[in-house]
Amino acid sequence: MAWRLSHELQYPATFLVTFSSNHPEKNLPYISLIEFLMDVSKRWPKEYYELPGAYFPHSAYPVDMTMNPYPVPTWGWEVCETPWAVQGLWWHYLYTGDKEYLRSRAYGPLKQQSNFLLHI
């Protein structure tokens, strides 16, 4: 089974209802996915673009990944998916107001993706 962080299959969009339905705890699996992807997401911009930060891949698989699964145009170069991938982390904080969550789980990925986008 593949997790898809793409606009084609709308994986992040499946978690948007968690906020409007007042069930932000249902967003926790998505937060875990982003945490799982942090290693490969930080490795790709460093090795490929020679830039700091985190670039979230178009697709993700439930195994340890050592590289971006689509390292070719056009899917592999969709930079627009990086801020979209972490949007649910920020919304989780906005809906819960949980500062400990923000500090311990959301801040790192948000900072890393921002750092990448600032340098492209």
PDB file of N, CA and C in Angstrom:
ATOM      1  N   MET A   1       0.841  -1.185   0.000  1.00  0.00           N
ATOM      2  CA  MET A   1       0.000   0.000   0.000  1.00  0.00           C
ATOM      3  C   MET A   1       0.879   1.239   0.000  1.00  0.00           C
ATOM      4  N   ALA A   2       0.565   2.194  -0.816  1.00  0.00           N
ATOM      5  CA  ALA A   2       1.339   3.433  -0.872  1.00  0.00           C
ATOM      6  C   ALA A   2       0.537   4.579  -0.282  1.00  0.00           C
ATOM      7  N   TRP A   3       1.215   5.401   0.484  1.00  0.00           N
ATOM      8  CA  TRP A   3       0.611   6.652   0.924  1.00  0.00           C
ATOM      9  C   TRP A   3       0.894   7.643  -0.182  1.00  0.00           C
ATOM     10  N   ARG A   4      -0.062   8.371  -0.628  1.00  0.00           N
ATOM     11  CA  ARG A   4       0.167   9.308  -1.719  1.00  0.00           C
ATOM     12  C   ARG A   4       0.045  10.730  -1.207  1.00  0.00           C
ATOM     13  N   LEU A   5       1.141  11.480  -1.292  1.00  0.00           N
ATOM     14  CA  LEU A   5       1.113  12.894  -0.937  1.00  0.00           C
ATOM     15  C   LEU A   5       0.956  13.689  -2.220  1.00  0.00           C
ATOM     16  N   SER A   6      -0.031  13.349  -2.989  1.00  0.00           N
ATOM     17  CA  SER A   6      -0.154  13.981  -4.288  1.00  0.00           C
ATOM     18  C   SER A   6      -1.517  14.617  -4.482  1.00  0.00           C
ATOM     19  N   HIS A   7      -1.576  15.525  -5.437  1.00  0.00           N
ATOM     20  CA  HIS A   7      -2.859  16.144  -5.739  1.00  0.00           C
ATOM     21  C   HIS A   7      -3.759  15.183  -6.501  1.00  0.00           C
ATOM     22  N   GLU A   8      -3.205  14.120  -7.094  1.00  0.00           N
ATOM     23  CA  GLU A   8      -4.046  13.172  -7.821  1.00  0.00           C
ATOM     24  C   GLU A   8      -4.941  12.381  -6.875  1.00  0.00           C
ATOM     25  N   LEU A   9      -4.388  11.846  -5.784  1.00  0.00           N
ATOM     26  CA  LEU A   9      -5.170  10.994  -4.894  1.00  0.00           C
ATOM     27  C   LEU A   9      -5.593  11.691  -3.615  1.00  0.00           C
ATOM     28  N   GLN A  10      -5.166  12.902  -3.397  1.00  0.00           N
ATOM     29  CA  GLN A  10      -5.674  13.721  -2.296  1.00  0.00           C
ATOM     30  C   GLN A  10      -5.461  13.115  -0.919  1.00  0.00           C
ATOM     31  N   TYR A  11      -4.331  12.477  -0.659  1.00  0.00           N
ATOM     32  CA  TYR A  11      -4.119  11.875   0.651  1.00  0.00           C
ATOM     33  C   TYR A  11      -4.272  12.882   1.790  1.00  0.00           C
ATOM     34  N   PRO A  12      -3.604  14.032   1.747  1.00  0.00           N
ATOM     35  CA  PRO A  12      -3.800  14.977   2.860  1.00  0.00           C
ATOM     36  C   PRO A  12      -5.237  15.460   2.984  1.00  0.00           C
ATOM     37  N   ALA A  13      -5.937  15.552   1.877  1.00  0.00           N
ATOM     38  CA  ALA A  13      -7.311  16.046   1.902  1.00  0.00           C
ATOM     39  C   ALA A  13      -8.237  15.119   2.675  1.00  0.00           C
ATOM     40  N   THR A  14      -7.894  13.853   2.775  1.00  0.00           N
ATOM     41  CA  THR A  14      -8.755  12.937   3.512  1.00  0.00           C
ATOM     42  C   THR A  14      -8.805  13.276   4.993  1.00  0.00           C
ATOM     43  N   PHE A  15      -7.842  14.038   5.466  1.00  0.00           N
ATOM     44  CA  PHE A  15      -7.794  14.398   6.877  1.00  0.00           C
ATOM     45  C   PHE A  15      -8.396  15.777   7.166  1.00  0.00           C
ATOM     46  N   LEU A  16      -8.793  16.512   6.160  1.00  0.00           N
ATOM     47  CA  LEU A  16      -9.342  17.851   6.379  1.00  0.00           C
ATOM     48  C   LEU A  16     -10.631  17.814   7.179  1.00  0.00           C
ATOM     49  N   VAL A  17     -11.423  16.789   7.008  1.00  0.00           N
ATOM     50  CA  VAL A  17     -12.702  16.675   7.714  1.00  0.00           C
ATOM     51  C   VAL A  17     -12.487  16.536   9.221  1.00  0.00           C
ATOM     52  N   THR A  18     -11.304  16.124   9.635  1.00  0.00           N
ATOM     53  CA  THR A  18     -11.050  15.964  11.070  1.00  0.00           C
ATOM     54  C   THR A  18     -11.216  17.285  11.814  1.00  0.00           C
ATOM     55  N   PHE A  19     -10.934  18.383  11.144  1.00  0.00           N
ATOM     56  CA  PHE A  19     -11.025  19.690  11.802  1.00  0.00           C
ATOM     57  C   PHE A  19     -12.451  20.230  11.797  1.00  0.00           C
ATOM     58  N   SER A  20     -13.112  20.186  10.659  1.00  0.00           N
ATOM     59  CA  SER A  20     -14.470  20.715  10.591  1.00  0.00           C
ATOM     60  C   SER A  20     -15.454  19.868  11.396  1.00  0.00           C
ATOM     61  N   SER A  21     -15.107  18.617  11.640  1.00  0.00           N
ATOM     62  CA  SER A  21     -15.971  17.751  12.448  1.00  0.00           C
ATOM     63  C   SER A  21     -15.585  17.782  13.928  1.00  0.00           C
ATOM     64  N   ASN A  22     -14.646  18.625  14.270  1.00  0.00           N
ATOM     65  CA  ASN A  22     -14.192  18.785  15.655  1.00  0.00           C
ATOM     66  C   ASN A  22     -13.599  17.487  16.226  1.00  0.00           C
ATOM     67  N   HIS A  23     -12.829  16.792  15.367  1.00  0.00           N
ATOM     68  CA  HIS A  23     -12.129  15.581  15.788  1.00  0.00           C
ATOM     69  C   HIS A  23     -10.671  15.652  15.356  1.00  0.00           C
ATOM     70  N   PRO A  24      -9.919  16.635  15.879  1.00  0.00           N
ATOM     71  CA  PRO A  24      -8.519  16.766  15.454  1.00  0.00           C
ATOM     72  C   PRO A  24      -7.672  15.554  15.819  1.00  0.00           C
ATOM     73  N   GLU A  25      -8.104  14.744  16.774  1.00  0.00           N
ATOM     74  CA  GLU A  25      -7.340  13.539  17.114  1.00  0.00           C
ATOM     75  C   GLU A  25      -7.270  12.571  15.940  1.00  0.00           C
ATOM     76  N   LYS A  26      -8.215  12.672  15.011  1.00  0.00           N
ATOM     77  CA  LYS A  26      -8.207  11.817  13.818  1.00  0.00           C
ATOM     78  C   LYS A  26      -7.103  12.232  12.840  1.00  0.00           C
ATOM     79  N   ASN A  27      -6.473  13.378  13.080  1.00  0.00           N
ATOM     80  CA  ASN A  27      -5.364  13.853  12.252  1.00  0.00           C
ATOM     81  C   ASN A  27      -4.029  13.259  12.700  1.00  0.00           C
ATOM     82  N   LEU A  28      -3.987  12.601  13.833  1.00  0.00           N
ATOM     83  CA  LEU A  28      -2.728  12.080  14.373  1.00  0.00           C
ATOM     84  C   LEU A  28      -2.025  11.078  13.446  1.00  0.00           C
ATOM     85  N   PRO A  29      -2.733  10.202  12.722  1.00  0.00           N
ATOM     86  CA  PRO A  29      -2.023   9.323  11.781  1.00  0.00           C
ATOM     87  C   PRO A  29      -1.294  10.109  10.690  1.00  0.00           C
ATOM     88  N   TYR A  30      -1.899  11.206  10.247  1.00  0.00           N
ATOM     89  CA  TYR A  30      -1.230  12.016   9.227  1.00  0.00           C
ATOM     90  C   TYR A  30       0.025  12.683   9.796  1.00  0.00           C
ATOM     91  N   ILE A  31      -0.048  13.156  11.022  1.00  0.00           N
ATOM     92  CA  ILE A  31       1.119  13.752  11.672  1.00  0.00           C
ATOM     93  C   ILE A  31       2.228  12.707  11.784  1.00  0.00           C
ATOM     94  N   SER A  32       1.860  11.485  12.118  1.00  0.00           N
ATOM     95  CA  SER A  32       2.848  10.405  12.202  1.00  0.00           C
ATOM     96  C   SER A  32       3.488  10.134  10.841  1.00  0.00           C
ATOM     97  N   LEU A  33       2.707  10.218   9.774  1.00  0.00           N
ATOM     98  CA  LEU A  33       3.260  10.038   8.430  1.00  0.00           C
ATOM     99  C   LEU A  33       4.304  11.110   8.134  1.00  0.00           C
ATOM    100  N   ILE A  34       3.998  12.345   8.425  1.00  0.00           N
ATOM    101  CA  ILE A  34       4.952  13.424   8.173  1.00  0.00           C
ATOM    102  C   ILE A  34       6.226  13.204   8.986  1.00  0.00           C
ATOM    103  N   GLU A  35       6.082  12.796  10.228  1.00  0.00           N
ATOM    104  CA  GLU A  35       7.257  12.503  11.055  1.00  0.00           C
ATOM    105  C   GLU A  35       8.077  11.352  10.451  1.00  0.00           C
ATOM    106  N   PHE A  36       7.396  10.332   9.954  1.00  0.00           N
ATOM    107  CA  PHE A  36       8.057   9.202   9.318  1.00  0.00           C
ATOM    108  C   PHE A  36       8.855   9.643   8.090  1.00  0.00           C
ATOM    109  N   LEU A  37       8.346  10.638   7.373  1.00  0.00           N
ATOM    110  CA  LEU A  37       8.987  11.096   6.135  1.00  0.00           C
ATOM    111  C   LEU A  37      10.113  12.113   6.343  1.00  0.00           C
ATOM    112  N   MET A  38      10.326  12.547   7.564  1.00  0.00           N
ATOM    113  CA  MET A  38      11.302  13.615   7.779  1.00  0.00           C
ATOM    114  C   MET A  38      12.717  13.261   7.311  1.00  0.00           C
ATOM    115  N   ASP A  39      13.175  12.055   7.538  1.00  0.00           N
ATOM    116  CA  ASP A  39      14.539  11.713   7.117  1.00  0.00           C
ATOM    117  C   ASP A  39      14.722  11.836   5.609  1.00  0.00           C
ATOM    118  N   VAL A  40      13.848  11.196   4.837  1.00  0.00           N
ATOM    119  CA  VAL A  40      13.980  11.271   3.382  1.00  0.00           C
ATOM    120  C   VAL A  40      13.664  12.682   2.883  1.00  0.00           C
ATOM    121  N   SER A  41      12.793  13.383   3.574  1.00  0.00           N
ATOM    122  CA  SER A  41      12.416  14.740   3.160  1.00  0.00           C
ATOM    123  C   SER A  41      13.549  15.733   3.378  1.00  0.00           C
ATOM    124  N   LYS A  42      14.403  15.483   4.339  1.00  0.00           N
ATOM    125  CA  LYS A  42      15.570  16.351   4.553  1.00  0.00           C
ATOM    126  C   LYS A  42      16.747  15.921   3.675  1.00  0.00           C
ATOM    127  N   ARG A  43      16.835  14.642   3.376  1.00  0.00           N
ATOM    128  CA  ARG A  43      17.935  14.133   2.553  1.00  0.00           C
ATOM    129  C   ARG A  43      17.825  14.595   1.099  1.00  0.00           C
ATOM    130  N   TRP A  44      16.616  14.565   0.543  1.00  0.00           N
ATOM    131  CA  TRP A  44      16.426  14.888  -0.884  1.00  0.00           C
ATOM    132  C   TRP A  44      16.894  16.302  -1.245  1.00  0.00           C
ATOM    133  N   PRO A  45      16.477  17.363  -0.563  1.00  0.00           N
ATOM    134  CA  PRO A  45      16.936  18.692  -0.988  1.00  0.00           C
ATOM    135  C   PRO A  45      18.441  18.877  -0.772  1.00  0.00           C
ATOM    136  N   LYS A  46      18.972  18.230   0.244  1.00  0.00           N
ATOM    137  CA  LYS A  46      20.413  18.351   0.505  1.00  0.00           C
ATOM    138  C   LYS A  46      21.234  17.691  -0.601  1.00  0.00           C
ATOM    139  N   GLU A  47      20.859  16.478  -0.984  1.00  0.00           N
ATOM    140  CA  GLU A  47      21.628  15.736  -1.971  1.00  0.00           C
ATOM    141  C   GLU A  47      21.312  16.151  -3.402  1.00  0.00           C
ATOM    142  N   TYR A  48      20.063  16.458  -3.695  1.00  0.00           N
ATOM    143  CA  TYR A  48      19.665  16.741  -5.075  1.00  0.00           C
ATOM    144  C   TYR A  48      19.787  18.222  -5.431  1.00  0.00           C
ATOM    145  N   TYR A  49      19.244  19.068  -4.588  1.00  0.00           N
ATOM    146  CA  TYR A  49      19.239  20.503  -4.875  1.00  0.00           C
ATOM    147  C   TYR A  49      20.400  21.248  -4.208  1.00  0.00           C
ATOM    148  N   GLU A  50      21.080  20.586  -3.267  1.00  0.00           N
ATOM    149  CA  GLU A  50      22.113  21.220  -2.454  1.00  0.00           C
ATOM    150  C   GLU A  50      21.537  22.407  -1.684  1.00  0.00           C
ATOM    151  N   LEU A  51      20.367  22.172  -1.104  1.00  0.00           N
ATOM    152  CA  LEU A  51      19.664  23.190  -0.334  1.00  0.00           C
ATOM    153  C   LEU A  51      19.293  22.634   1.039  1.00  0.00           C
ATOM    154  N   PRO A  52      19.137  23.515   2.014  1.00  0.00           N
ATOM    155  CA  PRO A  52      18.723  23.061   3.347  1.00  0.00           C
ATOM    156  C   PRO A  52      17.216  22.834   3.406  1.00  0.00           C
ATOM    157  N   GLY A  53      16.779  22.262   4.502  1.00  0.00           N
ATOM    158  CA  GLY A  53      15.349  22.124   4.761  1.00  0.00           C
ATOM    159  C   GLY A  53      14.802  20.775   4.366  1.00  0.00           C
ATOM    160  N   ALA A  54      13.487  20.726   4.198  1.00  0.00           N
ATOM    161  CA  ALA A  54      12.788  19.479   3.878  1.00  0.00           C
ATOM    162  C   ALA A  54      11.883  19.678   2.669  1.00  0.00           C
ATOM    163  N   TYR A  55      11.958  18.747   1.766  1.00  0.00           N
ATOM    164  CA  TYR A  55      11.107  18.676   0.576  1.00  0.00           C
ATOM    165  C   TYR A  55      10.323  17.377   0.689  1.00  0.00           C
ATOM    166  N   PHE A  56       9.011  17.448   0.767  1.00  0.00           N
ATOM    167  CA  PHE A  56       8.207  16.244   0.929  1.00  0.00           C
ATOM    168  C   PHE A  56       7.914  15.631  -0.432  1.00  0.00           C
ATOM    169  N   PRO A  57       8.126  14.309  -0.545  1.00  0.00           N
ATOM    170  CA  PRO A  57       7.992  13.655  -1.845  1.00  0.00           C
ATOM    171  C   PRO A  57       6.547  13.562  -2.310  1.00  0.00           C
ATOM    172  N   HIS A  58       6.408  13.383  -3.588  1.00  0.00           N
ATOM    173  CA  HIS A  58       5.096  13.233  -4.217  1.00  0.00           C
ATOM    174  C   HIS A  58       4.370  12.005  -3.685  1.00  0.00           C
ATOM    175  N   SER A  59       5.105  10.937  -3.494  1.00  0.00           N
ATOM    176  CA  SER A  59       4.549   9.683  -2.994  1.00  0.00           C
ATOM    177  C   SER A  59       5.403   9.163  -1.859  1.00  0.00           C
ATOM    178  N   ALA A  60       4.800   8.386  -1.018  1.00  0.00           N
ATOM    179  CA  ALA A  60       5.521   7.788   0.100  1.00  0.00           C
ATOM    180  C   ALA A  60       5.055   6.355   0.271  1.00  0.00           C
ATOM    181  N   TYR A  61       5.950   5.523   0.734  1.00  0.00           N
ATOM    182  CA  TYR A  61       5.641   4.114   0.936  1.00  0.00           C
ATOM    183  C   TYR A  61       5.897   3.741   2.385  1.00  0.00           C
ATOM    184  N   PRO A  62       5.146   2.788   2.922  1.00  0.00           N
ATOM    185  CA  PRO A  62       5.270   2.439   4.337  1.00  0.00           C
ATOM    186  C   PRO A  62       6.481   1.555   4.644  1.00  0.00           C
ATOM    187  N   VAL A  63       7.617   1.948   4.094  1.00  0.00           N
ATOM    188  CA  VAL A  63       8.900   1.303   4.365  1.00  0.00           C
ATOM    189  C   VAL A  63       9.929   2.413   4.497  1.00  0.00           C
ATOM    190  N   ASP A  64      11.068   2.107   5.082  1.00  0.00           N
ATOM    191  CA  ASP A  64      12.124   3.113   5.143  1.00  0.00           C
ATOM    192  C   ASP A  64      12.586   3.427   3.728  1.00  0.00           C
ATOM    193  N   MET A  65      12.530   4.698   3.385  1.00  0.00           N
ATOM    194  CA  MET A  65      12.925   5.121   2.047  1.00  0.00           C
ATOM    195  C   MET A  65      14.272   5.830   2.140  1.00  0.00           C
ATOM    196  N   THR A  66      15.127   5.555   1.188  1.00  0.00           N
ATOM    197  CA  THR A  66      16.434   6.206   1.160  1.00  0.00           C
ATOM    198  C   THR A  66      16.505   7.322   0.135  1.00  0.00           C
ATOM    199  N   MET A  67      15.475   7.437  -0.697  1.00  0.00           N
ATOM    200  CA  MET A  67      15.458   8.491  -1.716  1.00  0.00           C
ATOM    201  C   MET A  67      14.021   8.823  -2.093  1.00  0.00           C
ATOM    202  N   ASN A  68      13.863   9.908  -2.798  1.00  0.00           N
ATOM    203  CA  ASN A  68      12.571  10.303  -3.343  1.00  0.00           C
ATOM    204  C   ASN A  68      12.117   9.215  -4.316  1.00  0.00           C
ATOM    205  N   PRO A  69      10.905   8.672  -4.147  1.00  0.00           N
ATOM    206  CA  PRO A  69      10.445   7.598  -5.029  1.00  0.00           C
ATOM    207  C   PRO A  69      10.289   8.012  -6.496  1.00  0.00           C
ATOM    208  N   TYR A  70      10.134   9.294  -6.770  1.00  0.00           N
ATOM    209  CA  TYR A  70      10.007   9.785  -8.143  1.00  0.00           C
ATOM    210  C   TYR A  70      11.049  10.870  -8.382  1.00  0.00           C
ATOM    211  N   PRO A  71      12.319  10.480  -8.579  1.00  0.00           N
ATOM    212  CA  PRO A  71      13.374  11.490  -8.720  1.00  0.00           C
ATOM    213  C   PRO A  71      13.496  12.075 -10.129  1.00  0.00           C
ATOM    214  N   VAL A  72      12.406  12.109 -10.866  1.00  0.00           N
ATOM    215  CA  VAL A  72      12.450  12.599 -12.239  1.00  0.00           C
ATOM    216  C   VAL A  72      11.341  13.630 -12.455  1.00  0.00           C
ATOM    217  N   PRO A  73      11.470  14.472 -13.495  1.00  0.00           N
ATOM    218  CA  PRO A  73      10.376  15.387 -13.804  1.00  0.00           C
ATOM    219  C   PRO A  73       9.150  14.581 -14.190  1.00  0.00           C
ATOM    220  N   THR A  74       8.024  15.026 -14.039  1.00  0.00           N
ATOM    221  CA  THR A  74       7.549  16.222 -13.391  1.00  0.00           C
ATOM    222  C   THR A  74       7.123  15.939 -11.962  1.00  0.00           C
ATOM    223  N   TRP A  75       6.763  14.699 -11.685  1.00  0.00           N
ATOM    224  CA  TRP A  75       6.299  14.365 -10.343  1.00  0.00           C
ATOM    225  C   TRP A  75       7.359  14.624  -9.288  1.00  0.00           C
ATOM    226  N   GLY A  76       8.574  14.260  -9.567  1.00  0.00           N
ATOM    227  CA  GLY A  76       9.641  14.394  -8.593  1.00  0.00           C
ATOM    228  C   GLY A  76      10.035  15.821  -8.303  1.00  0.00           C
ATOM    229  N   TRP A  77       9.565  16.756  -9.091  1.00  0.00           N
ATOM    230  CA  TRP A  77       9.965  18.152  -8.920  1.00  0.00           C
ATOM    231  C   TRP A  77       8.811  19.047  -8.486  1.00  0.00           C
ATOM    232  N   GLU A  78       7.727  18.489  -8.014  1.00  0.00           N
ATOM    233  CA  GLU A  78       6.574  19.283  -7.606  1.00  0.00           C
ATOM    234  C   GLU A  78       6.807  19.879  -6.220  1.00  0.00           C
ATOM    235  N   VAL A  79       7.431  21.027  -6.198  1.00  0.00           N
ATOM    236  CA  VAL A  79       7.758  21.706  -4.948  1.00  0.00           C
ATOM    237  C   VAL A  79       6.495  22.161  -4.226  1.00  0.00           C
ATOM    238  N   CYS A  80       5.418  22.373  -4.964  1.00  0.00           N
ATOM    239  CA  CYS A  80       4.171  22.863  -4.369  1.00  0.00           C
ATOM    240  C   CYS A  80       3.594  21.913  -3.327  1.00  0.00           C
ATOM    241  N   GLU A  81       3.941  20.663  -3.375  1.00  0.00           N
ATOM    242  CA  GLU A  81       3.393  19.701  -2.428  1.00  0.00           C
ATOM    243  C   GLU A  81       4.020  19.818  -1.043  1.00  0.00           C
ATOM    244  N   THR A  82       5.192  20.420  -0.966  1.00  0.00           N
ATOM    245  CA  THR A  82       5.870  20.518   0.327  1.00  0.00           C
ATOM    246  C   THR A  82       5.083  21.348   1.336  1.00  0.00           C
ATOM    247  N   PRO A  83       4.665  22.579   1.029  1.00  0.00           N
ATOM    248  CA  PRO A  83       3.878  23.305   2.029  1.00  0.00           C
ATOM    249  C   PRO A  83       2.502  22.676   2.254  1.00  0.00           C
ATOM    250  N   TRP A  84       1.947  22.085   1.219  1.00  0.00           N
ATOM    251  CA  TRP A  84       0.651  21.436   1.360  1.00  0.00           C
ATOM    252  C   TRP A  84       0.754  20.240   2.302  1.00  0.00           C
ATOM    253  N   ALA A  85       1.878  19.518   2.245  1.00  0.00           N
ATOM    254  CA  ALA A  85       2.064  18.335   3.092  1.00  0.00           C
ATOM    255  C   ALA A  85       2.013  18.675   4.572  1.00  0.00           C
ATOM    256  N   VAL A  86       2.521  19.846   4.948  1.00  0.00           N
ATOM    257  CA  VAL A  86       2.575  20.191   6.377  1.00  0.00           C
ATOM    258  C   VAL A  86       1.438  21.105   6.827  1.00  0.00           C
ATOM    259  N   GLN A  87       0.561  21.470   5.922  1.00  0.00           N
ATOM    260  CA  GLN A  87      -0.547  22.358   6.274  1.00  0.00           C
ATOM    261  C   GLN A  87      -1.402  21.770   7.394  1.00  0.00           C
ATOM    262  N   GLY A  88      -1.636  20.464   7.345  1.00  0.00           N
ATOM    263  CA  GLY A  88      -2.444  19.817   8.372  1.00  0.00           C
ATOM    264  C   GLY A  88      -1.805  19.856   9.753  1.00  0.00           C
ATOM    265  N   LEU A  89      -0.482  19.964   9.802  1.00  0.00           N
ATOM    266  CA  LEU A  89       0.190  20.104  11.101  1.00  0.00           C
ATOM    267  C   LEU A  89      -0.133  21.447  11.728  1.00  0.00           C
ATOM    268  N   TRP A  90      -0.116  22.489  10.908  1.00  0.00           N
ATOM    269  CA  TRP A  90      -0.429  23.830  11.413  1.00  0.00           C
ATOM    270  C   TRP A  90      -1.899  23.912  11.812  1.00  0.00           C
ATOM    271  N   TRP A  91      -2.772  23.379  10.967  1.00  0.00           N
ATOM    272  CA  TRP A  91      -4.193  23.408  11.305  1.00  0.00           C
ATOM    273  C   TRP A  91      -4.471  22.651  12.601  1.00  0.00           C
ATOM    274  N   HIS A  92      -3.750  21.562  12.813  1.00  0.00           N
ATOM    275  CA  HIS A  92      -3.934  20.802  14.049  1.00  0.00           C
ATOM    276  C   HIS A  92      -3.665  21.699  15.260  1.00  0.00           C
ATOM    277  N   TYR A  93      -2.610  22.492  15.160  1.00  0.00           N
ATOM    278  CA  TYR A  93      -2.320  23.422  16.257  1.00  0.00           C
ATOM    279  C   TYR A  93      -3.414  24.485  16.372  1.00  0.00           C
ATOM    280  N   LEU A  94      -3.828  25.053  15.254  1.00  0.00           N
ATOM    281  CA  LEU A  94      -4.851  26.089  15.301  1.00  0.00           C
ATOM    282  C   LEU A  94      -6.149  25.591  15.936  1.00  0.00           C
ATOM    283  N   TYR A  95      -6.533  24.356  15.652  1.00  0.00           N
ATOM    284  CA  TYR A  95      -7.779  23.813  16.183  1.00  0.00           C
ATOM    285  C   TYR A  95      -7.660  23.359  17.633  1.00  0.00           C
ATOM    286  N   THR A  96      -6.459  22.925  18.040  1.00  0.00           N
ATOM    287  CA  THR A  96      -6.322  22.405  19.402  1.00  0.00           C
ATOM    288  C   THR A  96      -5.707  23.418  20.367  1.00  0.00           C
ATOM    289  N   GLY A  97      -4.887  24.331  19.846  1.00  0.00           N
ATOM    290  CA  GLY A  97      -4.181  25.263  20.714  1.00  0.00           C
ATOM    291  C   GLY A  97      -3.130  24.574  21.580  1.00  0.00           C
ATOM    292  N   ASP A  98      -2.767  23.367  21.230  1.00  0.00           N
ATOM    293  CA  ASP A  98      -1.832  22.552  22.006  1.00  0.00           C
ATOM    294  C   ASP A  98      -0.389  22.994  21.747  1.00  0.00           C
ATOM    295  N   LYS A  99       0.161  23.783  22.653  1.00  0.00           N
ATOM    296  CA  LYS A  99       1.515  24.311  22.471  1.00  0.00           C
ATOM    297  C   LYS A  99       2.575  23.222  22.602  1.00  0.00           C
ATOM    298  N   GLU A 100       2.319  22.216  23.420  1.00  0.00           N
ATOM    299  CA  GLU A 100       3.276  21.110  23.533  1.00  0.00           C
ATOM    300  C   GLU A 100       3.369  20.345  22.216  1.00  0.00           C
ATOM    301  N   TYR A 101       2.226  20.096  21.570  1.00  0.00           N
ATOM    302  CA  TYR A 101       2.220  19.466  20.246  1.00  0.00           C
ATOM    303  C   TYR A 101       2.988  20.329  19.253  1.00  0.00           C
ATOM    304  N   LEU A 102       2.740  21.623  19.263  1.00  0.00           N
ATOM    305  CA  LEU A 102       3.422  22.529  18.345  1.00  0.00           C
ATOM    306  C   LEU A 102       4.934  22.448  18.543  1.00  0.00           C
ATOM    307  N   ARG A 103       5.361  22.472  19.791  1.00  0.00           N
ATOM    308  CA  ARG A 103       6.782  22.438  20.091  1.00  0.00           C
ATOM    309  C   ARG A 103       7.414  21.095  19.731  1.00  0.00           C
ATOM    310  N   SER A 104       6.758  20.005  20.096  1.00  0.00           N
ATOM    311  CA  SER A 104       7.393  18.697  19.982  1.00  0.00           C
ATOM    312  C   SER A 104       7.172  17.978  18.649  1.00  0.00           C
ATOM    313  N   ARG A 105       6.104  18.292  17.927  1.00  0.00           N
ATOM    314  CA  ARG A 105       5.803  17.540  16.710  1.00  0.00           C
ATOM    315  C   ARG A 105       5.675  18.387  15.450  1.00  0.00           C
ATOM    316  N   ALA A 106       5.088  19.557  15.551  1.00  0.00           N
ATOM    317  CA  ALA A 106       4.798  20.337  14.343  1.00  0.00           C
ATOM    318  C   ALA A 106       5.903  21.311  13.960  1.00  0.00           C
ATOM    319  N   TYR A 107       6.546  21.903  14.948  1.00  0.00           N
ATOM    320  CA  TYR A 107       7.498  22.970  14.650  1.00  0.00           C
ATOM    321  C   TYR A 107       8.635  22.505  13.737  1.00  0.00           C
ATOM    322  N   GLY A 108       9.189  21.337  13.998  1.00  0.00           N
ATOM    323  CA  GLY A 108      10.309  20.834  13.187  1.00  0.00           C
ATOM    324  C   GLY A 108       9.971  20.720  11.718  1.00  0.00           C
ATOM    325  N   PRO A 109       8.929  19.970  11.340  1.00  0.00           N
ATOM    326  CA  PRO A 109       8.578  19.876   9.923  1.00  0.00           C
ATOM    327  C   PRO A 109       8.190  21.222   9.300  1.00  0.00           C
ATOM    328  N   LEU A 110       7.470  22.052  10.052  1.00  0.00           N
ATOM    329  CA  LEU A 110       7.095  23.369   9.523  1.00  0.00           C
ATOM    330  C   LEU A 110       8.331  24.224   9.263  1.00  0.00           C
ATOM    331  N   LYS A 111       9.254  24.215  10.187  1.00  0.00           N
ATOM    332  CA  LYS A 111      10.490  24.992  10.021  1.00  0.00           C
ATOM    333  C   LYS A 111      11.329  24.454   8.863  1.00  0.00           C
ATOM    334  N   GLN A 112      11.452  23.141   8.772  1.00  0.00           N
ATOM    335  CA  GLN A 112      12.272  22.545   7.716  1.00  0.00           C
ATOM    336  C   GLN A 112      11.714  22.819   6.321  1.00  0.00           C
ATOM    337  N   GLN A 113      10.399  22.721   6.150  1.00  0.00           N
ATOM    338  CA  GLN A 113       9.836  22.989   4.818  1.00  0.00           C
ATOM    339  C   GLN A 113       9.954  24.461   4.483  1.00  0.00           C
ATOM    340  N   SER A 114       9.792  25.330   5.477  1.00  0.00           N
ATOM    341  CA  SER A 114       9.952  26.770   5.247  1.00  0.00           C
ATOM    342  C   SER A 114      11.381  27.100   4.857  1.00  0.00           C
ATOM    343  N   ASN A 115      12.333  26.470   5.499  1.00  0.00           N
ATOM    344  CA  ASN A 115      13.736  26.685   5.178  1.00  0.00           C
ATOM    345  C   ASN A 115      14.029  26.291   3.740  1.00  0.00           C
ATOM    346  N   PHE A 116      13.491  25.176   3.295  1.00  0.00           N
ATOM    347  CA  PHE A 116      13.680  24.754   1.898  1.00  0.00           C
ATOM    348  C   PHE A 116      13.061  25.776   0.947  1.00  0.00           C
ATOM    349  N   LEU A 117      11.822  26.173   1.210  1.00  0.00           N
ATOM    350  CA  LEU A 117      11.140  27.096   0.303  1.00  0.00           C
ATOM    351  C   LEU A 117      11.832  28.458   0.248  1.00  0.00           C
ATOM    352  N   LEU A 118      12.423  28.880   1.342  1.00  0.00           N
ATOM    353  CA  LEU A 118      13.144  30.155   1.348  1.00  0.00           C
ATOM    354  C   LEU A 118      14.392  30.124   0.484  1.00  0.00           C
ATOM    355  N   HIS A 119      14.922  28.939   0.238  1.00  0.00           N
ATOM    356  CA  HIS A 119      16.169  28.828  -0.505  1.00  0.00           C
ATOM    357  C   HIS A 119      16.014  28.427  -1.973  1.00  0.00           C
ATOM    358  N   ILE A 120      14.791  28.133  -2.417  1.00  0.00           N
ATOM    359  CA  ILE A 120      14.644  27.773  -3.836  1.00  0.00           C
ATOM    360  C   ILE A 120      14.553  29.012  -4.688  1.00  0.00           C
TER     361      ILE A 120
END
